[in-house]
Amino acid sequence: MTPLTRNQIAWRATQDLTDGSYVNLGLGMPVLAANYAPADRDIMFHSENGIVGVGPVAQGAAVDPDFIDAGSQNITLRPGAALVDSAQAFAMIRGGHIDVTLLGGFEVSAGGDL
């Protein structure tokens, strides 16, 4: 069996996200999920550094050094995105306003514990 690539894993993760979901993207591979949001669903991706409305990973001319995620990866903003301070970004998480969190492998123990 051939292991899935990072992009295949990110694509697969987005297939279970429901329309209208607010999804926190962990560091690393989870950011790739924004590249694969199904076109028929409105999914709002969130970054802990204060971006609500993370778009696909930035490449080439789309790279803007002002738009990075919490792991310092260049990202784009989707239409309707908002920039907030980190206190508000974490308040969204603690206040139950985030529906799903996609975590990277370094955020989960070998036993599957968070």
Protein backbone atom coordinates (compact mmCIF):
# COMPACT_ATOMS: atom_id res chain seq x y z
CA MET A 1 0.00 0.00 0.00
CA THR A 2 1.39 3.38 -1.00
CA PRO A 3 1.23 6.01 1.76
CA LEU A 4 -0.79 9.15 1.08
CA THR A 5 1.06 12.37 0.30
CA ARG A 6 0.66 15.47 2.46
CA ASN A 7 -1.68 16.97 -0.15
CA GLN A 8 -3.80 13.82 -0.35
CA ILE A 9 -4.18 13.80 3.45
CA ALA A 10 -5.16 17.49 3.43
CA TRP A 11 -7.68 16.87 0.63
CA ARG A 12 -9.19 13.94 2.52
CA ALA A 13 -9.51 15.96 5.73
CA THR A 14 -11.56 18.64 3.97
CA GLN A 15 -14.07 16.14 2.60
CA ASP A 16 -15.60 15.71 6.08
CA LEU A 17 -15.99 19.44 6.76
CA THR A 18 -19.56 20.66 6.62
CA ASP A 19 -20.95 23.78 5.00
CA GLY A 20 -20.74 26.78 7.33
CA SER A 21 -17.98 25.30 9.51
CA TYR A 22 -15.34 27.37 11.26
CA VAL A 23 -12.14 25.32 11.18
CA ASN A 24 -8.95 26.06 13.10
CA LEU A 25 -5.84 25.05 11.18
CA GLY A 26 -2.96 23.72 13.26
CA LEU A 27 0.66 24.19 12.25
CA GLY A 28 2.20 22.45 9.27
CA MET A 29 0.18 20.13 7.07
CA PRO A 30 -3.28 21.30 8.27
CA VAL A 31 -2.76 24.63 6.49
CA LEU A 32 -2.87 22.71 3.20
CA ALA A 33 -6.54 21.94 3.88
CA ALA A 34 -7.44 25.48 2.79
CA ASN A 35 -6.21 24.52 -0.70
CA TYR A 36 -8.86 21.82 -0.97
CA ALA A 37 -12.04 23.33 0.44
CA PRO A 38 -14.93 21.90 -1.62
CA ALA A 39 -16.32 24.61 -3.90
CA ASP A 40 -19.90 23.80 -2.92
CA ARG A 41 -19.29 24.49 0.79
CA ASP A 42 -18.63 27.73 2.65
CA ILE A 43 -15.86 26.84 5.11
CA MET A 44 -14.14 29.54 7.15
CA PHE A 45 -10.56 28.60 8.05
CA HIS A 46 -9.05 30.17 11.18
CA SER A 47 -5.43 30.69 12.24
CA GLU A 48 -4.45 31.24 15.86
CA ASN A 49 -2.47 34.34 15.01
CA GLY A 50 -5.67 36.22 14.18
CA ILE A 51 -6.78 35.37 10.67
CA VAL A 52 -10.38 34.37 10.13
CA GLY A 53 -10.74 33.49 6.46
CA VAL A 54 -7.47 31.79 5.58
CA GLY A 55 -7.28 31.02 1.88
CA PRO A 56 -5.00 28.67 -0.03
CA VAL A 57 -1.26 28.57 0.62
CA ALA A 58 0.40 31.48 -1.22
CA GLN A 59 2.73 30.73 -4.09
CA GLY A 60 4.60 32.86 -6.60
CA ALA A 61 3.17 36.33 -7.12
CA ALA A 62 0.48 35.68 -4.49
CA VAL A 63 3.07 35.71 -1.69
CA ASP A 64 2.56 38.73 0.57
CA PRO A 65 4.92 38.82 3.56
CA ASP A 66 2.15 40.41 5.64
CA PHE A 67 -0.08 37.35 5.37
CA ILE A 68 1.34 34.39 7.27
CA ASP A 69 -0.27 31.77 9.47
CA ALA A 70 0.68 30.96 13.07
CA GLY A 71 3.51 28.73 11.78
CA SER A 72 4.94 31.49 9.53
CA GLN A 73 3.72 29.87 6.29
CA ASN A 74 2.64 32.28 3.55
CA ILE A 75 -1.12 32.14 3.02
CA THR A 76 -3.76 34.05 1.12
CA LEU A 77 -6.99 35.53 2.40
CA ARG A 78 -10.39 34.47 1.13
CA PRO A 79 -13.04 37.10 0.35
CA GLY A 80 -14.60 38.32 3.59
CA ALA A 81 -11.55 37.51 5.72
CA ALA A 82 -10.95 39.37 8.96
CA LEU A 83 -7.76 40.11 10.85
CA VAL A 84 -8.05 40.16 14.65
CA ASP A 85 -5.58 40.21 17.52
CA SER A 86 -4.43 36.94 19.07
CA ALA A 87 -6.58 37.47 22.16
CA GLN A 88 -9.70 37.52 19.99
CA ALA A 89 -8.46 34.55 17.95
CA PHE A 90 -8.02 32.45 21.10
CA ALA A 91 -11.32 33.73 22.51
CA MET A 92 -13.01 32.22 19.44
CA ILE A 93 -11.48 28.86 20.36
CA ARG A 94 -12.18 29.04 24.10
CA GLY A 95 -15.66 30.44 23.52
CA GLY A 96 -16.76 27.46 21.44
CA HIS A 97 -16.98 29.36 18.16
CA ILE A 98 -14.73 26.92 16.30
CA ASP A 99 -16.40 23.74 15.03
CA VAL A 100 -13.35 21.66 14.09
CA THR A 101 -9.60 21.78 14.61
CA LEU A 102 -7.19 20.08 12.23
CA LEU A 103 -3.98 19.24 14.08
CA GLY A 104 -0.55 18.47 12.70
CA GLY A 105 1.43 15.36 13.66
CA PHE A 106 3.60 17.26 16.11
CA GLU A 107 0.50 18.27 18.09
CA VAL A 108 -0.62 14.68 18.81
CA SER A 109 1.29 12.13 20.91
CA ALA A 110 2.18 8.69 19.59
CA GLY A 111 -0.75 7.37 21.63
CA GLY A 112 -3.17 9.75 19.90
CA ASP A 113 -3.46 12.09 22.90
CA LEU A 114 -3.83 15.80 22.37
